[in-house]
């Protein structure tokens, strides 16, 4: 799934779609990440206060990759820092 997201709401929707595409519930993600179901729900609902570590844990559980794109060119996150 290739998807560009720019807002917390779009990230949440992308996470929800990826979860549902695998046939998983929020409880399934919770079990794989040791995060509360309420935390998964908050992320999927676009809570802008979600910690980056939480987002990355959920993405890893779903097999998703985090990329930063700069004006159409792929930039590795290590190159930014």
PDB file of N, CA and C in Angstrom:
ATOM      1  N   UNK A   1       0.856  -1.169   0.000  1.00  0.00           N
ATOM      2  CA  UNK A   1       0.000   0.000   0.000  1.00  0.00           C
ATOM      3  C   UNK A   1       0.904   1.233   0.000  1.00  0.00           C
ATOM      4  N   UNK A   2       0.903   1.990  -1.072  1.00  0.00           N
ATOM      5  CA  UNK A   2       1.626   3.260  -1.144  1.00  0.00           C
ATOM      6  C   UNK A   2       0.636   4.376  -0.887  1.00  0.00           C
ATOM      7  N   UNK A   3       0.932   5.207   0.092  1.00  0.00           N
ATOM      8  CA  UNK A   3      -0.005   6.212   0.518  1.00  0.00           C
ATOM      9  C   UNK A   3       0.759   7.402   1.065  1.00  0.00           C
ATOM     10  N   UNK A   4       0.383   8.586   0.650  1.00  0.00           N
ATOM     11  CA  UNK A   4       0.974   9.803   1.206  1.00  0.00           C
ATOM     12  C   UNK A   4       0.009  10.382   2.220  1.00  0.00           C
ATOM     13  N   UNK A   5       0.526  10.697   3.387  1.00  0.00           N
ATOM     14  CA  UNK A   5      -0.302  11.300   4.427  1.00  0.00           C
ATOM     15  C   UNK A   5       0.391  12.551   4.940  1.00  0.00           C
ATOM     16  N   UNK A   6      -0.431  13.550   5.309  1.00  0.00           N
ATOM     17  CA  UNK A   6       0.132  14.817   5.755  1.00  0.00           C
ATOM     18  C   UNK A   6      -0.463  15.312   7.068  1.00  0.00           C
ATOM     19  N   UNK A   7      -1.517  14.657   7.529  1.00  0.00           N
ATOM     20  CA  UNK A   7      -2.167  15.091   8.758  1.00  0.00           C
ATOM     21  C   UNK A   7      -2.345  13.904   9.694  1.00  0.00           C
ATOM     22  N   UNK A   8      -2.593  14.203  10.967  1.00  0.00           N
ATOM     23  CA  UNK A   8      -2.843  13.151  11.951  1.00  0.00           C
ATOM     24  C   UNK A   8      -4.071  12.335  11.560  1.00  0.00           C
ATOM     25  N   UNK A   9      -5.106  12.988  11.030  1.00  0.00           N
ATOM     26  CA  UNK A   9      -6.302  12.272  10.588  1.00  0.00           C
ATOM     27  C   UNK A   9      -5.975  11.297   9.461  1.00  0.00           C
ATOM     28  N   UNK A  10      -5.146  11.718   8.519  1.00  0.00           N
ATOM     29  CA  UNK A  10      -4.773  10.845   7.404  1.00  0.00           C
ATOM     30  C   UNK A  10      -3.919   9.667   7.882  1.00  0.00           C
ATOM     31  N   UNK A  11      -3.042   9.924   8.840  1.00  0.00           N
ATOM     32  CA  UNK A  11      -2.228   8.835   9.406  1.00  0.00           C
ATOM     33  C   UNK A  11      -3.147   7.820  10.083  1.00  0.00           C
ATOM     34  N   UNK A  12      -4.088   8.323  10.873  1.00  0.00           N
ATOM     35  CA  UNK A  12      -5.023   7.441  11.551  1.00  0.00           C
ATOM     36  C   UNK A  12      -5.821   6.589  10.584  1.00  0.00           C
ATOM     37  N   UNK A  13      -6.285   7.207   9.511  1.00  0.00           N
ATOM     38  CA  UNK A  13      -7.052   6.477   8.507  1.00  0.00           C
ATOM     39  C   UNK A  13      -6.185   5.432   7.806  1.00  0.00           C
ATOM     40  N   UNK A  14      -4.937   5.757   7.530  1.00  0.00           N
ATOM     41  CA  UNK A  14      -4.030   4.801   6.894  1.00  0.00           C
ATOM     42  C   UNK A  14      -3.772   3.606   7.814  1.00  0.00           C
ATOM     43  N   UNK A  15      -3.599   3.871   9.103  1.00  0.00           N
ATOM     44  CA  UNK A  15      -3.398   2.796  10.076  1.00  0.00           C
ATOM     45  C   UNK A  15      -4.646   1.911  10.125  1.00  0.00           C
ATOM     46  N   UNK A  16      -5.817   2.537  10.189  1.00  0.00           N
ATOM     47  CA  UNK A  16      -7.078   1.786  10.243  1.00  0.00           C
ATOM     48  C   UNK A  16      -7.235   0.896   9.011  1.00  0.00           C
ATOM     49  N   UNK A  17      -6.969   1.456   7.830  1.00  0.00           N
ATOM     50  CA  UNK A  17      -7.091   0.678   6.588  1.00  0.00           C
ATOM     51  C   UNK A  17      -6.141  -0.516   6.575  1.00  0.00           C
ATOM     52  N   UNK A  18      -4.897  -0.275   6.994  1.00  0.00           N
ATOM     53  CA  UNK A  18      -3.910  -1.355   7.007  1.00  0.00           C
ATOM     54  C   UNK A  18      -4.332  -2.444   7.992  1.00  0.00           C
ATOM     55  N   UNK A  19      -4.840  -2.049   9.144  1.00  0.00           N
ATOM     56  CA  UNK A  19      -5.294  -3.016  10.149  1.00  0.00           C
ATOM     57  C   UNK A  19      -6.454  -3.851   9.606  1.00  0.00           C
ATOM     58  N   UNK A  20      -7.435  -3.173   9.039  1.00  0.00           N
ATOM     59  CA  UNK A  20      -8.613  -3.876   8.518  1.00  0.00           C
ATOM     60  C   UNK A  20      -8.254  -4.761   7.323  1.00  0.00           C
ATOM     61  N   UNK A  21      -7.302  -4.326   6.504  1.00  0.00           N
ATOM     62  CA  UNK A  21      -6.877  -5.133   5.357  1.00  0.00           C
ATOM     63  C   UNK A  21      -6.283  -6.466   5.812  1.00  0.00           C
ATOM     64  N   UNK A  22      -5.729  -6.488   7.019  1.00  0.00           N
ATOM     65  CA  UNK A  22      -5.166  -7.716   7.574  1.00  0.00           C
ATOM     66  C   UNK A  22      -6.214  -8.512   8.358  1.00  0.00           C
ATOM     67  N   UNK A  23      -7.403  -7.932   8.498  1.00  0.00           N
ATOM     68  CA  UNK A  23      -8.457  -8.595   9.250  1.00  0.00           C
ATOM     69  C   UNK A  23      -8.236  -8.547  10.751  1.00  0.00           C
ATOM     70  N   UNK A  24      -7.461  -7.572  11.208  1.00  0.00           N
ATOM     71  CA  UNK A  24      -7.131  -7.442  12.629  1.00  0.00           C
ATOM     72  C   UNK A  24      -8.074  -6.468  13.314  1.00  0.00           C
ATOM     73  N   UNK A  25      -8.256  -6.686  14.596  1.00  0.00           N
ATOM     74  CA  UNK A  25      -8.993  -5.744  15.439  1.00  0.00           C
ATOM     75  C   UNK A  25      -7.991  -4.839  16.153  1.00  0.00           C
ATOM     76  N   UNK A  26      -8.507  -3.815  16.786  1.00  0.00           N
ATOM     77  CA  UNK A  26      -7.634  -2.973  17.599  1.00  0.00           C
ATOM     78  C   UNK A  26      -7.019  -3.788  18.731  1.00  0.00           C
ATOM     79  N   UNK A  27      -7.745  -4.768  19.225  1.00  0.00           N
ATOM     80  CA  UNK A  27      -7.207  -5.660  20.271  1.00  0.00           C
ATOM     81  C   UNK A  27      -6.019  -6.470  19.757  1.00  0.00           C
ATOM     82  N   UNK A  28      -6.071  -6.868  18.489  1.00  0.00           N
ATOM     83  CA  UNK A  28      -4.945  -7.592  17.897  1.00  0.00           C
ATOM     84  C   UNK A  28      -3.691  -6.716  17.875  1.00  0.00           C
ATOM     85  N   UNK A  29      -3.853  -5.462  17.485  1.00  0.00           N
ATOM     86  CA  UNK A  29      -2.711  -4.532  17.472  1.00  0.00           C
ATOM     87  C   UNK A  29      -2.218  -4.322  18.901  1.00  0.00           C
ATOM     88  N   UNK A  30      -3.150  -4.161  19.812  1.00  0.00           N
ATOM     89  CA  UNK A  30      -2.803  -3.969  21.219  1.00  0.00           C
ATOM     90  C   UNK A  30      -1.929  -5.114  21.722  1.00  0.00           C
ATOM     91  N   UNK A  31      -2.314  -6.335  21.412  1.00  0.00           N
ATOM     92  CA  UNK A  31      -1.559  -7.507  21.851  1.00  0.00           C
ATOM     93  C   UNK A  31      -0.163  -7.550  21.235  1.00  0.00           C
ATOM     94  N   UNK A  32      -0.038  -7.067  20.003  1.00  0.00           N
ATOM     95  CA  UNK A  32       1.257  -7.104  19.320  1.00  0.00           C
ATOM     96  C   UNK A  32       2.194  -5.974  19.747  1.00  0.00           C
ATOM     97  N   UNK A  33       1.633  -4.921  20.309  1.00  0.00           N
ATOM     98  CA  UNK A  33       2.449  -3.745  20.655  1.00  0.00           C
ATOM     99  C   UNK A  33       2.514  -3.449  22.148  1.00  0.00           C
ATOM    100  N   UNK A  34       1.726  -4.161  22.946  1.00  0.00           N
ATOM    101  CA  UNK A  34       1.611  -3.877  24.375  1.00  0.00           C
ATOM    102  C   UNK A  34       1.099  -2.467  24.641  1.00  0.00           C
ATOM    103  N   UNK A  35       0.305  -1.940  23.723  1.00  0.00           N
ATOM    104  CA  UNK A  35      -0.354  -0.646  23.902  1.00  0.00           C
ATOM    105  C   UNK A  35      -1.816  -0.899  24.231  1.00  0.00           C
ATOM    106  N   UNK A  36      -2.427   0.029  24.938  1.00  0.00           N
ATOM    107  CA  UNK A  36      -3.839  -0.105  25.272  1.00  0.00           C
ATOM    108  C   UNK A  36      -4.700   0.065  24.017  1.00  0.00           C
ATOM    109  N   UNK A  37      -5.846  -0.607  23.997  1.00  0.00           N
ATOM    110  CA  UNK A  37      -6.782  -0.472  22.882  1.00  0.00           C
ATOM    111  C   UNK A  37      -7.186   1.002  22.739  1.00  0.00           C
ATOM    112  N   UNK A  38      -7.348   1.696  23.844  1.00  0.00           N
ATOM    113  CA  UNK A  38      -7.705   3.119  23.800  1.00  0.00           C
ATOM    114  C   UNK A  38      -6.634   3.935  23.081  1.00  0.00           C
ATOM    115  N   UNK A  39      -5.380   3.539  23.218  1.00  0.00           N
ATOM    116  CA  UNK A  39      -4.286   4.231  22.532  1.00  0.00           C
ATOM    117  C   UNK A  39      -4.363   3.991  21.029  1.00  0.00           C
ATOM    118  N   UNK A  40      -4.653   2.757  20.643  1.00  0.00           N
ATOM    119  CA  UNK A  40      -4.800   2.431  19.218  1.00  0.00           C
ATOM    120  C   UNK A  40      -5.979   3.212  18.643  1.00  0.00           C
ATOM    121  N   UNK A  41      -7.064   3.250  19.365  1.00  0.00           N
ATOM    122  CA  UNK A  41      -8.248   3.984  18.926  1.00  0.00           C
ATOM    123  C   UNK A  41      -7.938   5.464  18.754  1.00  0.00           C
ATOM    124  N   UNK A  42      -7.231   6.027  19.708  1.00  0.00           N
ATOM    125  CA  UNK A  42      -6.861   7.440  19.653  1.00  0.00           C
ATOM    126  C   UNK A  42      -6.014   7.733  18.413  1.00  0.00           C
ATOM    127  N   UNK A  43      -5.063   6.860  18.132  1.00  0.00           N
ATOM    128  CA  UNK A  43      -4.219   7.020  16.947  1.00  0.00           C
ATOM    129  C   UNK A  43      -5.061   6.956  15.680  1.00  0.00           C
ATOM    130  N   UNK A  44      -5.939   5.975  15.598  1.00  0.00           N
ATOM    131  CA  UNK A  44      -6.777   5.834  14.405  1.00  0.00           C
ATOM    132  C   UNK A  44      -7.754   6.991  14.240  1.00  0.00           C
ATOM    133  N   UNK A  45      -8.100   7.646  15.327  1.00  0.00           N
ATOM    134  CA  UNK A  45      -9.013   8.790  15.263  1.00  0.00           C
ATOM    135  C   UNK A  45      -8.290  10.108  14.999  1.00  0.00           C
ATOM    136  N   UNK A  46      -6.984  10.036  14.776  1.00  0.00           N
ATOM    137  CA  UNK A  46      -6.240  11.223  14.374  1.00  0.00           C
ATOM    138  C   UNK A  46      -5.787  12.115  15.504  1.00  0.00           C
ATOM    139  N   UNK A  47      -5.625  11.560  16.696  1.00  0.00           N
ATOM    140  CA  UNK A  47      -5.144  12.353  17.825  1.00  0.00           C
ATOM    141  C   UNK A  47      -3.735  12.867  17.526  1.00  0.00           C
ATOM    142  N   UNK A  48      -3.619  14.170  17.389  1.00  0.00           N
ATOM    143  CA  UNK A  48      -2.329  14.780  17.051  1.00  0.00           C
ATOM    144  C   UNK A  48      -1.327  14.674  18.193  1.00  0.00           C
ATOM    145  N   UNK A  49      -1.781  14.298  19.382  1.00  0.00           N
ATOM    146  CA  UNK A  49      -0.893  14.174  20.532  1.00  0.00           C
ATOM    147  C   UNK A  49      -0.257  12.801  20.668  1.00  0.00           C
ATOM    148  N   UNK A  50      -0.482  11.925  19.713  1.00  0.00           N
ATOM    149  CA  UNK A  50       0.089  10.580  19.768  1.00  0.00           C
ATOM    150  C   UNK A  50       1.604  10.659  19.696  1.00  0.00           C
ATOM    151  N   UNK A  51       2.274   9.921  20.558  1.00  0.00           N
ATOM    152  CA  UNK A  51       3.737   9.906  20.567  1.00  0.00           C
ATOM    153  C   UNK A  51       4.274   9.215  19.321  1.00  0.00           C
ATOM    154  N   UNK A  52       5.387   9.704  18.841  1.00  0.00           N
ATOM    155  CA  UNK A  52       6.023   9.109  17.665  1.00  0.00           C
ATOM    156  C   UNK A  52       6.354   7.643  17.926  1.00  0.00           C
ATOM    157  N   UNK A  53       6.816   7.314  19.125  1.00  0.00           N
ATOM    158  CA  UNK A  53       7.145   5.930  19.456  1.00  0.00           C
ATOM    159  C   UNK A  53       5.925   5.032  19.334  1.00  0.00           C
ATOM    160  N   UNK A  54       4.767   5.544  19.706  1.00  0.00           N
ATOM    161  CA  UNK A  54       3.520   4.786  19.586  1.00  0.00           C
ATOM    162  C   UNK A  54       3.195   4.541  18.122  1.00  0.00           C
ATOM    163  N   UNK A  55       3.268   5.589  17.324  1.00  0.00           N
ATOM    164  CA  UNK A  55       3.002   5.468  15.894  1.00  0.00           C
ATOM    165  C   UNK A  55       3.944   4.450  15.256  1.00  0.00           C
ATOM    166  N   UNK A  56       5.215   4.532  15.572  1.00  0.00           N
ATOM    167  CA  UNK A  56       6.190   3.615  14.980  1.00  0.00           C
ATOM    168  C   UNK A  56       5.960   2.177  15.426  1.00  0.00           C
ATOM    169  N   UNK A  57       5.561   1.965  16.671  1.00  0.00           N
ATOM    170  CA  UNK A  57       5.282   0.612  17.158  1.00  0.00           C
ATOM    171  C   UNK A  57       4.102   0.008  16.407  1.00  0.00           C
ATOM    172  N   UNK A  58       3.057   0.793  16.208  1.00  0.00           N
ATOM    173  CA  UNK A  58       1.879   0.308  15.487  1.00  0.00           C
ATOM    174  C   UNK A  58       2.238   0.044  14.027  1.00  0.00           C
ATOM    175  N   UNK A  59       2.983   0.942  13.426  1.00  0.00           N
ATOM    176  CA  UNK A  59       3.384   0.741  12.029  1.00  0.00           C
ATOM    177  C   UNK A  59       4.238  -0.516  11.879  1.00  0.00           C
ATOM    178  N   UNK A  60       5.135  -0.747  12.822  1.00  0.00           N
ATOM    179  CA  UNK A  60       5.978  -1.950  12.766  1.00  0.00           C
ATOM    180  C   UNK A  60       5.128  -3.207  12.881  1.00  0.00           C
ATOM    181  N   UNK A  61       4.143  -3.188  13.768  1.00  0.00           N
ATOM    182  CA  UNK A  61       3.261  -4.342  13.934  1.00  0.00           C
ATOM    183  C   UNK A  61       2.503  -4.638  12.650  1.00  0.00           C
ATOM    184  N   UNK A  62       2.175  -3.604  11.906  1.00  0.00           N
ATOM    185  CA  UNK A  62       1.429  -3.752  10.659  1.00  0.00           C
ATOM    186  C   UNK A  62       2.336  -3.975   9.449  1.00  0.00           C
ATOM    187  N   UNK A  63       3.636  -3.908   9.654  1.00  0.00           N
ATOM    188  CA  UNK A  63       4.574  -4.083   8.542  1.00  0.00           C
ATOM    189  C   UNK A  63       4.628  -2.879   7.623  1.00  0.00           C
ATOM    190  N   UNK A  64       4.310  -1.699   8.165  1.00  0.00           N
ATOM    191  CA  UNK A  64       4.330  -0.468   7.374  1.00  0.00           C
ATOM    192  C   UNK A  64       5.672   0.227   7.527  1.00  0.00           C
ATOM    193  N   UNK A  65       6.031   1.016   6.543  1.00  0.00           N
ATOM    194  CA  UNK A  65       7.305   1.729   6.530  1.00  0.00           C
ATOM    195  C   UNK A  65       7.060   3.230   6.628  1.00  0.00           C
ATOM    196  N   UNK A  66       7.892   3.904   7.392  1.00  0.00           N
ATOM    197  CA  UNK A  66       7.817   5.350   7.569  1.00  0.00           C
ATOM    198  C   UNK A  66       8.858   5.990   6.652  1.00  0.00           C
ATOM    199  N   UNK A  67       8.414   6.895   5.786  1.00  0.00           N
ATOM    200  CA  UNK A  67       9.329   7.612   4.892  1.00  0.00           C
ATOM    201  C   UNK A  67       9.041   9.098   4.960  1.00  0.00           C
ATOM    202  N   UNK A  68      10.062   9.879   4.735  1.00  0.00           N
ATOM    203  CA  UNK A  68       9.913  11.319   4.628  1.00  0.00           C
ATOM    204  C   UNK A  68      10.219  11.685   3.186  1.00  0.00           C
ATOM    205  N   UNK A  69       9.307  12.410   2.555  1.00  0.00           N
ATOM    206  CA  UNK A  69       9.480  12.782   1.157  1.00  0.00           C
ATOM    207  C   UNK A  69       9.681  14.286   1.084  1.00  0.00           C
ATOM    208  N   UNK A  70      10.706  14.679   0.340  1.00  0.00           N
ATOM    209  CA  UNK A  70      11.015  16.092   0.166  1.00  0.00           C
ATOM    210  C   UNK A  70      10.845  16.451  -1.305  1.00  0.00           C
ATOM    211  N   UNK A  71       9.749  17.160  -1.630  1.00  0.00           N
ATOM    212  CA  UNK A  71       9.476  17.609  -3.003  1.00  0.00           C
ATOM    213  C   UNK A  71       9.596  16.501  -4.032  1.00  0.00           C
ATOM    214  N   UNK A  72       9.019  15.369  -3.677  1.00  0.00           N
ATOM    215  CA  UNK A  72       8.970  14.268  -4.623  1.00  0.00           C
ATOM    216  C   UNK A  72      10.151  13.336  -4.609  1.00  0.00           C
ATOM    217  N   UNK A  73      11.222  13.676  -3.914  1.00  0.00           N
ATOM    218  CA  UNK A  73      12.368  12.767  -3.863  1.00  0.00           C
ATOM    219  C   UNK A  73      12.379  12.073  -2.512  1.00  0.00           C
ATOM    220  N   UNK A  74      12.704  10.793  -2.525  1.00  0.00           N
ATOM    221  CA  UNK A  74      12.735  10.042  -1.282  1.00  0.00           C
ATOM    222  C   UNK A  74      13.984  10.410  -0.503  1.00  0.00           C
ATOM    223  N   UNK A  75      13.782  10.723   0.768  1.00  0.00           N
ATOM    224  CA  UNK A  75      14.894  11.062   1.657  1.00  0.00           C
ATOM    225  C   UNK A  75      14.890  10.068   2.801  1.00  0.00           C
ATOM    226  N   UNK A  76      16.009   9.464   3.066  1.00  0.00           N
ATOM    227  CA  UNK A  76      16.106   8.551   4.187  1.00  0.00           C
ATOM    228  C   UNK A  76      16.100   9.351   5.479  1.00  0.00           C
ATOM    229  N   UNK A  77      15.387   8.843   6.481  1.00  0.00           N
ATOM    230  CA  UNK A  77      15.248   9.561   7.739  1.00  0.00           C
ATOM    231  C   UNK A  77      16.615   9.825   8.381  1.00  0.00           C
ATOM    232  N   UNK A  78      17.562   8.904   8.205  1.00  0.00           N
ATOM    233  CA  UNK A  78      18.899   9.105   8.774  1.00  0.00           C
ATOM    234  C   UNK A  78      19.590  10.323   8.165  1.00  0.00           C
ATOM    235  N   UNK A  79      19.293  10.616   6.907  1.00  0.00           N
ATOM    236  CA  UNK A  79      19.926  11.747   6.225  1.00  0.00           C
ATOM    237  C   UNK A  79      19.425  13.094   6.756  1.00  0.00           C
ATOM    238  N   UNK A  80      18.238  13.097   7.347  1.00  0.00           N
ATOM    239  CA  UNK A  80      17.680  14.338   7.876  1.00  0.00           C
ATOM    240  C   UNK A  80      18.370  14.732   9.170  1.00  0.00           C
ATOM    241  N   UNK A  81      18.704  13.729   9.974  1.00  0.00           N
ATOM    242  CA  UNK A  81      19.316  13.982  11.285  1.00  0.00           C
ATOM    243  C   UNK A  81      20.803  13.851  11.180  1.00  0.00           C
TER     244      UNK A  81
END
